Amino acid sequence: MISMRHRFHGYGGVRAVYRDGKTVRGSMMSVKYMTRGKKSGYRAAVVVSKKVHKSAVSRNRVRRRIYEIIRQADNGLLENKDIVLTVFSDRVVDLSPEKLRAEVESLLAKASR
């Protein structure tokens, strides 16, 4: 799980990313991102809708898995970015950890360019 300083607080930041951010889209999820300016660090949010799975337990499990991948991928590529990762495919629930990691890291690498 990522630390509290890497999370959004309130809806204003997420709303700004949705309004002004750029999008990188993959086959199962997309990343909206924008540069934060002079502020250091990154902020991340993961959105998993009920269309992915009706069970809150499954949606939260997907969310926690993706947060952990983001935390481990924190190697300077995400510096000064606001990131909102949106899951829109139900295949993510049953995806193996290696494939999920590859998908998320490829999207984050595209967003960091």
PDB file of N, CA and C in Angstrom:
ATOM      1  N   MET A   1       0.843  -1.178   0.000  1.00  0.00           N
ATOM      2  CA  MET A   1       0.000   0.000   0.000  1.00  0.00           C
ATOM      3  C   MET A   1       0.888   1.241   0.000  1.00  0.00           C
ATOM      4  N   ILE A   2       0.492   2.230  -0.742  1.00  0.00           N
ATOM      5  CA  ILE A   2       1.293   3.454  -0.784  1.00  0.00           C
ATOM      6  C   ILE A   2       1.016   4.294   0.452  1.00  0.00           C
ATOM      7  N   SER A   3       1.965   5.142   0.799  1.00  0.00           N
ATOM      8  CA  SER A   3       1.828   5.938   2.017  1.00  0.00           C
ATOM      9  C   SER A   3       0.814   7.063   1.814  1.00  0.00           C
ATOM     10  N   MET A   4       0.411   7.670   2.897  1.00  0.00           N
ATOM     11  CA  MET A   4      -0.601   8.726   2.850  1.00  0.00           C
ATOM     12  C   MET A   4      -0.136   9.952   2.073  1.00  0.00           C
ATOM     13  N   ARG A   5       1.154  10.212   2.045  1.00  0.00           N
ATOM     14  CA  ARG A   5       1.619  11.399   1.315  1.00  0.00           C
ATOM     15  C   ARG A   5       1.549  11.208  -0.192  1.00  0.00           C
ATOM     16  N   HIS A   6       1.344   9.958  -0.647  1.00  0.00           N
ATOM     17  CA  HIS A   6       1.217   9.677  -2.070  1.00  0.00           C
ATOM     18  C   HIS A   6      -0.234   9.444  -2.489  1.00  0.00           C
ATOM     19  N   ARG A   7      -1.170   9.841  -1.637  1.00  0.00           N
ATOM     20  CA  ARG A   7      -2.589   9.683  -1.941  1.00  0.00           C
ATOM     21  C   ARG A   7      -3.232  11.045  -2.131  1.00  0.00           C
ATOM     22  N   PHE A   8      -4.337  11.061  -2.851  1.00  0.00           N
ATOM     23  CA  PHE A   8      -5.116  12.284  -2.997  1.00  0.00           C
ATOM     24  C   PHE A   8      -5.926  12.495  -1.726  1.00  0.00           C
ATOM     25  N   HIS A   9      -6.129  13.755  -1.376  1.00  0.00           N
ATOM     26  CA  HIS A   9      -6.951  14.106  -0.220  1.00  0.00           C
ATOM     27  C   HIS A   9      -8.058  15.013  -0.718  1.00  0.00           C
ATOM     28  N   GLY A  10      -9.272  14.535  -0.679  1.00  0.00           N
ATOM     29  CA  GLY A  10     -10.404  15.274  -1.216  1.00  0.00           C
ATOM     30  C   GLY A  10     -10.590  14.985  -2.699  1.00  0.00           C
ATOM     31  N   TYR A  11     -11.570  15.637  -3.298  1.00  0.00           N
ATOM     32  CA  TYR A  11     -11.907  15.377  -4.683  1.00  0.00           C
ATOM     33  C   TYR A  11     -11.304  16.391  -5.652  1.00  0.00           C
ATOM     34  N   GLY A  12     -10.785  17.495  -5.164  1.00  0.00           N
ATOM     35  CA  GLY A  12     -10.276  18.543  -6.039  1.00  0.00           C
ATOM     36  C   GLY A  12      -9.122  18.096  -6.912  1.00  0.00           C
ATOM     37  N   GLY A  13      -8.189  17.342  -6.347  1.00  0.00           N
ATOM     38  CA  GLY A  13      -7.038  16.885  -7.112  1.00  0.00           C
ATOM     39  C   GLY A  13      -7.406  15.884  -8.180  1.00  0.00           C
ATOM     40  N   VAL A  14      -8.278  14.945  -7.838  1.00  0.00           N
ATOM     41  CA  VAL A  14      -8.714  13.940  -8.802  1.00  0.00           C
ATOM     42  C   VAL A  14      -9.519  14.603  -9.917  1.00  0.00           C
ATOM     43  N   ARG A  15     -10.361  15.544  -9.548  1.00  0.00           N
ATOM     44  CA  ARG A  15     -11.163  16.261 -10.538  1.00  0.00           C
ATOM     45  C   ARG A  15     -10.272  17.031 -11.503  1.00  0.00           C
ATOM     46  N   ALA A  16      -9.207  17.630 -10.998  1.00  0.00           N
ATOM     47  CA  ALA A  16      -8.285  18.371 -11.863  1.00  0.00           C
ATOM     48  C   ALA A  16      -7.574  17.441 -12.834  1.00  0.00           C
ATOM     49  N   VAL A  17      -7.197  16.247 -12.382  1.00  0.00           N
ATOM     50  CA  VAL A  17      -6.538  15.281 -13.272  1.00  0.00           C
ATOM     51  C   VAL A  17      -7.502  14.837 -14.362  1.00  0.00           C
ATOM     52  N   TYR A  18      -8.753  14.556 -14.007  1.00  0.00           N
ATOM     53  CA  TYR A  18      -9.737  14.166 -15.013  1.00  0.00           C
ATOM     54  C   TYR A  18      -9.986  15.306 -16.008  1.00  0.00           C
ATOM     55  N   ARG A  19      -9.973  16.537 -15.538  1.00  0.00           N
ATOM     56  CA  ARG A  19     -10.270  17.680 -16.400  1.00  0.00           C
ATOM     57  C   ARG A  19      -9.089  18.049 -17.299  1.00  0.00           C
ATOM     58  N   ASP A  20      -7.874  18.117 -16.733  1.00  0.00           N
ATOM     59  CA  ASP A  20      -6.727  18.663 -17.459  1.00  0.00           C
ATOM     60  C   ASP A  20      -5.668  17.632 -17.829  1.00  0.00           C
ATOM     61  N   GLY A  21      -5.818  16.388 -17.387  1.00  0.00           N
ATOM     62  CA  GLY A  21      -4.763  15.406 -17.580  1.00  0.00           C
ATOM     63  C   GLY A  21      -4.749  14.788 -18.967  1.00  0.00           C
ATOM     64  N   LYS A  22      -3.660  14.116 -19.251  1.00  0.00           N
ATOM     65  CA  LYS A  22      -3.496  13.365 -20.495  1.00  0.00           C
ATOM     66  C   LYS A  22      -3.764  11.900 -20.196  1.00  0.00           C
ATOM     67  N   THR A  23      -4.130  11.137 -21.228  1.00  0.00           N
ATOM     68  CA  THR A  23      -4.527   9.748 -21.041  1.00  0.00           C
ATOM     69  C   THR A  23      -3.609   8.805 -21.795  1.00  0.00           C
ATOM     70  N   VAL A  24      -3.253   7.721 -21.125  1.00  0.00           N
ATOM     71  CA  VAL A  24      -2.571   6.587 -21.740  1.00  0.00           C
ATOM     72  C   VAL A  24      -3.490   5.397 -21.513  1.00  0.00           C
ATOM     73  N   ARG A  25      -3.845   4.718 -22.606  1.00  0.00           N
ATOM     74  CA  ARG A  25      -4.839   3.646 -22.503  1.00  0.00           C
ATOM     75  C   ARG A  25      -4.222   2.304 -22.849  1.00  0.00           C
ATOM     76  N   GLY A  26      -4.516   1.303 -22.025  1.00  0.00           N
ATOM     77  CA  GLY A  26      -4.098  -0.063 -22.275  1.00  0.00           C
ATOM     78  C   GLY A  26      -5.308  -0.920 -22.597  1.00  0.00           C
ATOM     79  N   SER A  27      -5.121  -2.213 -22.629  1.00  0.00           N
ATOM     80  CA  SER A  27      -6.221  -3.097 -22.995  1.00  0.00           C
ATOM     81  C   SER A  27      -7.214  -3.314 -21.851  1.00  0.00           C
ATOM     82  N   MET A  28      -6.762  -3.158 -20.602  1.00  0.00           N
ATOM     83  CA  MET A  28      -7.641  -3.417 -19.471  1.00  0.00           C
ATOM     84  C   MET A  28      -7.812  -2.226 -18.537  1.00  0.00           C
ATOM     85  N   MET A  29      -6.962  -1.213 -18.689  1.00  0.00           N
ATOM     86  CA  MET A  29      -7.016  -0.056 -17.797  1.00  0.00           C
ATOM     87  C   MET A  29      -6.422   1.145 -18.500  1.00  0.00           C
ATOM     88  N   SER A  30      -6.658   2.302 -17.935  1.00  0.00           N
ATOM     89  CA  SER A  30      -6.095   3.528 -18.490  1.00  0.00           C
ATOM     90  C   SER A  30      -5.510   4.366 -17.360  1.00  0.00           C
ATOM     91  N   VAL A  31      -4.589   5.243 -17.727  1.00  0.00           N
ATOM     92  CA  VAL A  31      -3.955   6.137 -16.762  1.00  0.00           C
ATOM     93  C   VAL A  31      -4.161   7.562 -17.225  1.00  0.00           C
ATOM     94  N   LYS A  32      -4.746   8.377 -16.369  1.00  0.00           N
ATOM     95  CA  LYS A  32      -4.801   9.820 -16.602  1.00  0.00           C
ATOM     96  C   LYS A  32      -3.747  10.422 -15.694  1.00  0.00           C
ATOM     97  N   TYR A  33      -2.963  11.341 -16.252  1.00  0.00           N
ATOM     98  CA  TYR A  33      -1.869  11.907 -15.478  1.00  0.00           C
ATOM     99  C   TYR A  33      -1.674  13.361 -15.840  1.00  0.00           C
ATOM    100  N   MET A  34      -1.059  14.083 -14.929  1.00  0.00           N
ATOM    101  CA  MET A  34      -0.646  15.464 -15.176  1.00  0.00           C
ATOM    102  C   MET A  34       0.530  15.794 -14.275  1.00  0.00           C
ATOM    103  N   THR A  35       1.323  16.753 -14.691  1.00  0.00           N
ATOM    104  CA  THR A  35       2.487  17.171 -13.924  1.00  0.00           C
ATOM    105  C   THR A  35       2.048  18.112 -12.817  1.00  0.00           C
ATOM    106  N   ARG A  36       2.661  17.973 -11.659  1.00  0.00           N
ATOM    107  CA  ARG A  36       2.274  18.750 -10.476  1.00  0.00           C
ATOM    108  C   ARG A  36       2.967  20.098 -10.384  1.00  0.00           C
ATOM    109  N   GLY A  37       3.946  20.373 -11.185  1.00  0.00           N
ATOM    110  CA  GLY A  37       4.682  21.619 -11.078  1.00  0.00           C
ATOM    111  C   GLY A  37       5.916  21.431 -10.224  1.00  0.00           C
ATOM    112  N   LYS A  38       6.131  22.309  -9.267  1.00  0.00           N
ATOM    113  CA  LYS A  38       7.346  22.254  -8.449  1.00  0.00           C
ATOM    114  C   LYS A  38       7.221  21.324  -7.248  1.00  0.00           C
ATOM    115  N   LYS A  39       6.050  20.808  -6.994  1.00  0.00           N
ATOM    116  CA  LYS A  39       5.874  19.927  -5.843  1.00  0.00           C
ATOM    117  C   LYS A  39       6.552  18.597  -6.106  1.00  0.00           C
ATOM    118  N   SER A  40       7.207  18.072  -5.100  1.00  0.00           N
ATOM    119  CA  SER A  40       7.920  16.806  -5.272  1.00  0.00           C
ATOM    120  C   SER A  40       7.014  15.638  -4.916  1.00  0.00           C
ATOM    121  N   GLY A  41       7.396  14.464  -5.366  1.00  0.00           N
ATOM    122  CA  GLY A  41       6.623  13.266  -5.090  1.00  0.00           C
ATOM    123  C   GLY A  41       5.508  13.082  -6.101  1.00  0.00           C
ATOM    124  N   TYR A  42       4.708  12.090  -5.869  1.00  0.00           N
ATOM    125  CA  TYR A  42       3.579  11.807  -6.740  1.00  0.00           C
ATOM    126  C   TYR A  42       2.357  11.542  -5.886  1.00  0.00           C
ATOM    127  N   ARG A  43       1.200  11.620  -6.511  1.00  0.00           N
ATOM    128  CA  ARG A  43      -0.050  11.224  -5.877  1.00  0.00           C
ATOM    129  C   ARG A  43      -0.737  10.245  -6.816  1.00  0.00           C
ATOM    130  N   ALA A  44      -1.318   9.200  -6.270  1.00  0.00           N
ATOM    131  CA  ALA A  44      -1.945   8.173  -7.090  1.00  0.00           C
ATOM    132  C   ALA A  44      -3.305   7.793  -6.530  1.00  0.00           C
ATOM    133  N   ALA A  45      -4.212   7.469  -7.442  1.00  0.00           N
ATOM    134  CA  ALA A  45      -5.525   6.940  -7.089  1.00  0.00           C
ATOM    135  C   ALA A  45      -5.845   5.813  -8.059  1.00  0.00           C
ATOM    136  N   VAL A  46      -6.552   4.806  -7.570  1.00  0.00           N
ATOM    137  CA  VAL A  46      -6.978   3.683  -8.393  1.00  0.00           C
ATOM    138  C   VAL A  46      -8.497   3.619  -8.325  1.00  0.00           C
ATOM    139  N   VAL A  47      -9.143   3.609  -9.492  1.00  0.00           N
ATOM    140  CA  VAL A  47     -10.596   3.585  -9.577  1.00  0.00           C
ATOM    141  C   VAL A  47     -11.016   2.260 -10.202  1.00  0.00           C
ATOM    142  N   VAL A  48     -11.821   1.493  -9.469  1.00  0.00           N
ATOM    143  CA  VAL A  48     -12.344   0.225  -9.964  1.00  0.00           C
ATOM    144  C   VAL A  48     -13.865   0.298  -9.807  1.00  0.00           C
ATOM    145  N   SER A  49     -14.594   0.311 -10.912  1.00  0.00           N
ATOM    146  CA  SER A  49     -16.045   0.492 -10.841  1.00  0.00           C
ATOM    147  C   SER A  49     -16.771  -0.817 -10.621  1.00  0.00           C
ATOM    148  N   LYS A  50     -18.065  -0.718 -10.349  1.00  0.00           N
ATOM    149  CA  LYS A  50     -18.885  -1.908 -10.155  1.00  0.00           C
ATOM    150  C   LYS A  50     -19.061  -2.697 -11.440  1.00  0.00           C
ATOM    151  N   LYS A  51     -18.776  -2.093 -12.578  1.00  0.00           N
ATOM    152  CA  LYS A  51     -18.853  -2.828 -13.836  1.00  0.00           C
ATOM    153  C   LYS A  51     -17.753  -3.883 -13.927  1.00  0.00           C
ATOM    154  N   VAL A  52     -16.658  -3.665 -13.205  1.00  0.00           N
ATOM    155  CA  VAL A  52     -15.569  -4.640 -13.201  1.00  0.00           C
ATOM    156  C   VAL A  52     -15.990  -5.882 -12.421  1.00  0.00           C
ATOM    157  N   HIS A  53     -16.528  -5.683 -11.237  1.00  0.00           N
ATOM    158  CA  HIS A  53     -17.023  -6.813 -10.426  1.00  0.00           C
ATOM    159  C   HIS A  53     -18.018  -6.265  -9.420  1.00  0.00           C
ATOM    160  N   LYS A  54     -19.087  -6.988  -9.185  1.00  0.00           N
ATOM    161  CA  LYS A  54     -20.119  -6.515  -8.258  1.00  0.00           C
ATOM    162  C   LYS A  54     -19.678  -6.584  -6.804  1.00  0.00           C
ATOM    163  N   SER A  55     -18.752  -7.479  -6.498  1.00  0.00           N
ATOM    164  CA  SER A  55     -18.319  -7.677  -5.122  1.00  0.00           C
ATOM    165  C   SER A  55     -17.304  -6.605  -4.720  1.00  0.00           C
ATOM    166  N   ALA A  56     -17.575  -5.927  -3.617  1.00  0.00           N
ATOM    167  CA  ALA A  56     -16.648  -4.917  -3.113  1.00  0.00           C
ATOM    168  C   ALA A  56     -15.327  -5.549  -2.690  1.00  0.00           C
ATOM    169  N   VAL A  57     -15.387  -6.780  -2.217  1.00  0.00           N
ATOM    170  CA  VAL A  57     -14.171  -7.484  -1.814  1.00  0.00           C
ATOM    171  C   VAL A  57     -13.238  -7.655  -3.012  1.00  0.00           C
ATOM    172  N   SER A  58     -13.775  -8.046  -4.143  1.00  0.00           N
ATOM    173  CA  SER A  58     -12.957  -8.234  -5.348  1.00  0.00           C
ATOM    174  C   SER A  58     -12.422  -6.907  -5.870  1.00  0.00           C
ATOM    175  N   ARG A  59     -13.248  -5.878  -5.868  1.00  0.00           N
ATOM    176  CA  ARG A  59     -12.795  -4.549  -6.332  1.00  0.00           C
ATOM    177  C   ARG A  59     -11.684  -4.023  -5.438  1.00  0.00           C
ATOM    178  N   ASN A  60     -11.823  -4.180  -4.135  1.00  0.00           N
ATOM    179  CA  ASN A  60     -10.792  -3.707  -3.214  1.00  0.00           C
ATOM    180  C   ASN A  60      -9.509  -4.519  -3.340  1.00  0.00           C
ATOM    181  N   ARG A  61      -9.631  -5.798  -3.624  1.00  0.00           N
ATOM    182  CA  ARG A  61      -8.452  -6.632  -3.828  1.00  0.00           C
ATOM    183  C   ARG A  61      -7.668  -6.160  -5.053  1.00  0.00           C
ATOM    184  N   VAL A  62      -8.373  -5.854  -6.132  1.00  0.00           N
ATOM    185  CA  VAL A  62      -7.727  -5.319  -7.337  1.00  0.00           C
ATOM    186  C   VAL A  62      -7.061  -3.995  -7.019  1.00  0.00           C
ATOM    187  N   ARG A  63      -7.752  -3.135  -6.289  1.00  0.00           N
ATOM    188  CA  ARG A  63      -7.216  -1.822  -5.929  1.00  0.00           C
ATOM    189  C   ARG A  63      -5.937  -1.962  -5.100  1.00  0.00           C
ATOM    190  N   ARG A  64      -5.947  -2.844  -4.117  1.00  0.00           N
ATOM    191  CA  ARG A  64      -4.768  -3.045  -3.269  1.00  0.00           C
ATOM    192  C   ARG A  64      -3.603  -3.615  -4.055  1.00  0.00           C
ATOM    193  N   ARG A  65      -3.876  -4.555  -4.963  1.00  0.00           N
ATOM    194  CA  ARG A  65      -2.804  -5.119  -5.791  1.00  0.00           C
ATOM    195  C   ARG A  65      -2.147  -4.048  -6.649  1.00  0.00           C
ATOM    196  N   ILE A  66      -2.952  -3.170  -7.231  1.00  0.00           N
ATOM    197  CA  ILE A  66      -2.406  -2.117  -8.094  1.00  0.00           C
ATOM    198  C   ILE A  66      -1.652  -1.082  -7.270  1.00  0.00           C
ATOM    199  N   TYR A  67      -2.161  -0.727  -6.090  1.00  0.00           N
ATOM    200  CA  TYR A  67      -1.425   0.203  -5.226  1.00  0.00           C
ATOM    201  C   TYR A  67      -0.051  -0.356  -4.866  1.00  0.00           C
ATOM    202  N   GLU A  68       0.022  -1.648  -4.608  1.00  0.00           N
ATOM    203  CA  GLU A  68       1.304  -2.260  -4.257  1.00  0.00           C
ATOM    204  C   GLU A  68       2.266  -2.223  -5.447  1.00  0.00           C
ATOM    205  N   ILE A  69       1.774  -2.439  -6.644  1.00  0.00           N
ATOM    206  CA  ILE A  69       2.622  -2.354  -7.831  1.00  0.00           C
ATOM    207  C   ILE A  69       3.129  -0.926  -8.018  1.00  0.00           C
ATOM    208  N   ILE A  70       2.280   0.054  -7.789  1.00  0.00           N
ATOM    209  CA  ILE A  70       2.699   1.458  -7.902  1.00  0.00           C
ATOM    210  C   ILE A  70       3.757   1.778  -6.858  1.00  0.00           C
ATOM    211  N   ARG A  71       3.558   1.286  -5.636  1.00  0.00           N
ATOM    212  CA  ARG A  71       4.529   1.543  -4.572  1.00  0.00           C
ATOM    213  C   ARG A  71       5.890   0.949  -4.917  1.00  0.00           C
ATOM    214  N   GLN A  72       5.907  -0.264  -5.432  1.00  0.00           N
ATOM    215  CA  GLN A  72       7.172  -0.901  -5.774  1.00  0.00           C
ATOM    216  C   GLN A  72       7.809  -0.297  -7.020  1.00  0.00           C
ATOM    217  N   ALA A  73       7.008   0.298  -7.890  1.00  0.00           N
ATOM    218  CA  ALA A  73       7.530   0.914  -9.118  1.00  0.00           C
ATOM    219  C   ALA A  73       8.023   2.334  -8.883  1.00  0.00           C
ATOM    220  N   ASP A  74       7.945   2.823  -7.671  1.00  0.00           N
ATOM    221  CA  ASP A  74       8.360   4.194  -7.361  1.00  0.00           C
ATOM    222  C   ASP A  74       9.878   4.298  -7.429  1.00  0.00           C
ATOM    223  N   ASN A  75      10.397   4.566  -8.632  1.00  0.00           N
ATOM    224  CA  ASN A  75      11.842   4.676  -8.819  1.00  0.00           C
ATOM    225  C   ASN A  75      12.211   5.998  -9.485  1.00  0.00           C
ATOM    226  N   GLY A  76      11.431   7.020  -9.251  1.00  0.00           N
ATOM    227  CA  GLY A  76      11.719   8.325  -9.830  1.00  0.00           C
ATOM    228  C   GLY A  76      10.956   8.608 -11.103  1.00  0.00           C
ATOM    229  N   LEU A  77      10.372   7.595 -11.737  1.00  0.00           N
ATOM    230  CA  LEU A  77       9.617   7.818 -12.965  1.00  0.00           C
ATOM    231  C   LEU A  77       8.336   8.589 -12.709  1.00  0.00           C
ATOM    232  N   LEU A  78       7.795   8.435 -11.528  1.00  0.00           N
ATOM    233  CA  LEU A  78       6.520   9.058 -11.200  1.00  0.00           C
ATOM    234  C   LEU A  78       6.677  10.433 -10.570  1.00  0.00           C
ATOM    235  N   GLU A  79       7.893  10.906 -10.449  1.00  0.00           N
ATOM    236  CA  GLU A  79       8.168  12.156  -9.742  1.00  0.00           C
ATOM    237  C   GLU A  79       7.375  13.314 -10.344  1.00  0.00           C
ATOM    238  N   ASN A  80       6.744  14.121  -9.481  1.00  0.00           N
ATOM    239  CA  ASN A  80       5.972  15.305  -9.848  1.00  0.00           C
ATOM    240  C   ASN A  80       4.762  14.982 -10.710  1.00  0.00           C
ATOM    241  N   LYS A  81       4.130  13.851 -10.509  1.00  0.00           N
ATOM    242  CA  LYS A  81       2.960  13.462 -11.301  1.00  0.00           C
ATOM    243  C   LYS A  81       1.763  13.203 -10.391  1.00  0.00           C
ATOM    244  N   ASP A  82       0.589  13.539 -10.909  1.00  0.00           N
ATOM    245  CA  ASP A  82      -0.675  13.095 -10.337  1.00  0.00           C
ATOM    246  C   ASP A  82      -1.206  12.017 -11.265  1.00  0.00           C
ATOM    247  N   ILE A  83      -1.531  10.849 -10.726  1.00  0.00           N
ATOM    248  CA  ILE A  83      -1.909   9.696 -11.528  1.00  0.00           C
ATOM    249  C   ILE A  83      -3.238   9.146 -11.040  1.00  0.00           C
ATOM    250  N   VAL A  84      -4.170   8.927 -11.977  1.00  0.00           N
ATOM    251  CA  VAL A  84      -5.423   8.242 -11.669  1.00  0.00           C
ATOM    252  C   VAL A  84      -5.504   7.051 -12.615  1.00  0.00           C
ATOM    253  N   LEU A  85      -5.411   5.850 -12.072  1.00  0.00           N
ATOM    254  CA  LEU A  85      -5.464   4.629 -12.851  1.00  0.00           C
ATOM    255  C   LEU A  85      -6.886   4.072 -12.763  1.00  0.00           C
ATOM    256  N   THR A  86      -7.539   3.930 -13.923  1.00  0.00           N
ATOM    257  CA  THR A  86      -8.921   3.470 -13.979  1.00  0.00           C
ATOM    258  C   THR A  86      -8.974   2.086 -14.603  1.00  0.00           C
ATOM    259  N   VAL A  87      -9.540   1.141 -13.874  1.00  0.00           N
ATOM    260  CA  VAL A  87      -9.689  -0.237 -14.365  1.00  0.00           C
ATOM    261  C   VAL A  87     -11.064  -0.344 -15.006  1.00  0.00           C
ATOM    262  N   PHE A  88     -11.117  -0.830 -16.263  1.00  0.00           N
ATOM    263  CA  PHE A  88     -12.407  -0.948 -16.941  1.00  0.00           C
ATOM    264  C   PHE A  88     -12.675  -2.342 -17.492  1.00  0.00           C
ATOM    265  N   SER A  89     -11.817  -3.304 -17.219  1.00  0.00           N
ATOM    266  CA  SER A  89     -12.025  -4.660 -17.710  1.00  0.00           C
ATOM    267  C   SER A  89     -12.157  -5.627 -16.538  1.00  0.00           C
ATOM    268  N   ASP A  90     -13.105  -6.552 -16.656  1.00  0.00           N
ATOM    269  CA  ASP A  90     -13.289  -7.538 -15.593  1.00  0.00           C
ATOM    270  C   ASP A  90     -12.228  -8.631 -15.613  1.00  0.00           C
ATOM    271  N   ARG A  91     -11.396  -8.671 -16.644  1.00  0.00           N
ATOM    272  CA  ARG A  91     -10.321  -9.667 -16.714  1.00  0.00           C
ATOM    273  C   ARG A  91      -9.230  -9.402 -15.676  1.00  0.00           C
ATOM    274  N   VAL A  92      -9.163  -8.204 -15.132  1.00  0.00           N
ATOM    275  CA  VAL A  92      -8.128  -7.847 -14.165  1.00  0.00           C
ATOM    276  C   VAL A  92      -8.294  -8.640 -12.871  1.00  0.00           C
ATOM    277  N   VAL A  93      -9.515  -8.999 -12.528  1.00  0.00           N
ATOM    278  CA  VAL A  93      -9.782  -9.723 -11.281  1.00  0.00           C
ATOM    279  C   VAL A  93      -9.037 -11.052 -11.258  1.00  0.00           C
ATOM    280  N   ASP A  94      -8.994 -11.749 -12.390  1.00  0.00           N
ATOM    281  CA  ASP A  94      -8.383 -13.074 -12.452  1.00  0.00           C
ATOM    282  C   ASP A  94      -6.986 -13.065 -13.050  1.00  0.00           C
ATOM    283  N   LEU A  95      -6.407 -11.897 -13.251  1.00  0.00           N
ATOM    284  CA  LEU A  95      -5.101 -11.789 -13.888  1.00  0.00           C
ATOM    285  C   LEU A  95      -3.992 -12.219 -12.935  1.00  0.00           C
ATOM    286  N   SER A  96      -2.984 -12.899 -13.464  1.00  0.00           N
ATOM    287  CA  SER A  96      -1.863 -13.329 -12.629  1.00  0.00           C
ATOM    288  C   SER A  96      -1.050 -12.110 -12.199  1.00  0.00           C
ATOM    289  N   PRO A  97      -0.344 -12.209 -11.079  1.00  0.00           N
ATOM    290  CA  PRO A  97       0.432 -11.060 -10.593  1.00  0.00           C
ATOM    291  C   PRO A  97       1.473 -10.560 -11.596  1.00  0.00           C
ATOM    292  N   GLU A  98       2.097 -11.460 -12.328  1.00  0.00           N
ATOM    293  CA  GLU A  98       3.132 -11.052 -13.283  1.00  0.00           C
ATOM    294  C   GLU A  98       2.529 -10.250 -14.436  1.00  0.00           C
ATOM    295  N   LYS A  99       1.394 -10.716 -14.939  1.00  0.00           N
ATOM    296  CA  LYS A  99       0.753 -10.013 -16.057  1.00  0.00           C
ATOM    297  C   LYS A  99       0.194  -8.672 -15.618  1.00  0.00           C
ATOM    298  N   LEU A 100      -0.373  -8.620 -14.416  1.00  0.00           N
ATOM    299  CA  LEU A 100      -0.888  -7.352 -13.901  1.00  0.00           C
ATOM    300  C   LEU A 100       0.253  -6.362 -13.701  1.00  0.00           C
ATOM    301  N   ARG A 101       1.370  -6.819 -13.149  1.00  0.00           N
ATOM    302  CA  ARG A 101       2.525  -5.956 -12.955  1.00  0.00           C
ATOM    303  C   ARG A 101       3.038  -5.422 -14.291  1.00  0.00           C
ATOM    304  N   ALA A 102       3.124  -6.285 -15.297  1.00  0.00           N
ATOM    305  CA  ALA A 102       3.604  -5.861 -16.612  1.00  0.00           C
ATOM    306  C   ALA A 102       2.679  -4.820 -17.229  1.00  0.00           C
ATOM    307  N   GLU A 103       1.375  -5.010 -17.100  1.00  0.00           N
ATOM    308  CA  GLU A 103       0.399  -4.069 -17.661  1.00  0.00           C
ATOM    309  C   GLU A 103       0.499  -2.697 -16.977  1.00  0.00           C
ATOM    310  N   VAL A 104       0.525  -2.706 -15.648  1.00  0.00           N
ATOM    311  CA  VAL A 104       0.574  -1.442 -14.900  1.00  0.00           C
ATOM    312  C   VAL A 104       1.898  -0.722 -15.143  1.00  0.00           C
ATOM    313  N   GLU A 105       3.002  -1.446 -15.099  1.00  0.00           N
ATOM    314  CA  GLU A 105       4.312  -0.808 -15.300  1.00  0.00           C
ATOM    315  C   GLU A 105       4.467  -0.259 -16.711  1.00  0.00           C
ATOM    316  N   SER A 106       3.890  -0.922 -17.714  1.00  0.00           N
ATOM    317  CA  SER A 106       3.984  -0.384 -19.064  1.00  0.00           C
ATOM    318  C   SER A 106       3.188   0.908 -19.207  1.00  0.00           C
ATOM    319  N   LEU A 107       2.020   0.956 -18.572  1.00  0.00           N
ATOM    320  CA  LEU A 107       1.227   2.197 -18.599  1.00  0.00           C
ATOM    321  C   LEU A 107       1.938   3.330 -17.850  1.00  0.00           C
ATOM    322  N   LEU A 108       2.529   3.017 -16.706  1.00  0.00           N
ATOM    323  CA  LEU A 108       3.241   4.043 -15.944  1.00  0.00           C
ATOM    324  C   LEU A 108       4.470   4.538 -16.704  1.00  0.00           C
ATOM    325  N   ALA A 109       5.145   3.640 -17.419  1.00  0.00           N
ATOM    326  CA  ALA A 109       6.304   4.049 -18.215  1.00  0.00           C
ATOM    327  C   ALA A 109       5.886   4.972 -19.356  1.00  0.00           C
ATOM    328  N   LYS A 110       4.756   4.684 -19.980  1.00  0.00           N
ATOM    329  CA  LYS A 110       4.251   5.563 -21.048  1.00  0.00           C
ATOM    330  C   LYS A 110       3.861   6.929 -20.481  1.00  0.00           C
ATOM    331  N   ALA A 111       3.284   6.921 -19.290  1.00  0.00           N
ATOM    332  CA  ALA A 111       2.856   8.187 -18.669  1.00  0.00           C
ATOM    333  C   ALA A 111       4.036   9.023 -18.210  1.00  0.00           C
ATOM    334  N   SER A 112       5.169   8.390 -17.910  1.00  0.00           N
ATOM    335  CA  SER A 112       6.313   9.140 -17.388  1.00  0.00           C
ATOM    336  C   SER A 112       7.138   9.791 -18.488  1.00  0.00           C
ATOM    337  N   ARG A 113       6.892   9.435 -19.736  1.00  0.00           N
ATOM    338  CA  ARG A 113       7.651  10.044 -20.841  1.00  0.00           C
ATOM    339  C   ARG A 113       7.224  11.455 -21.113  1.00  0.00           C
TER     340      ARG A 113
END
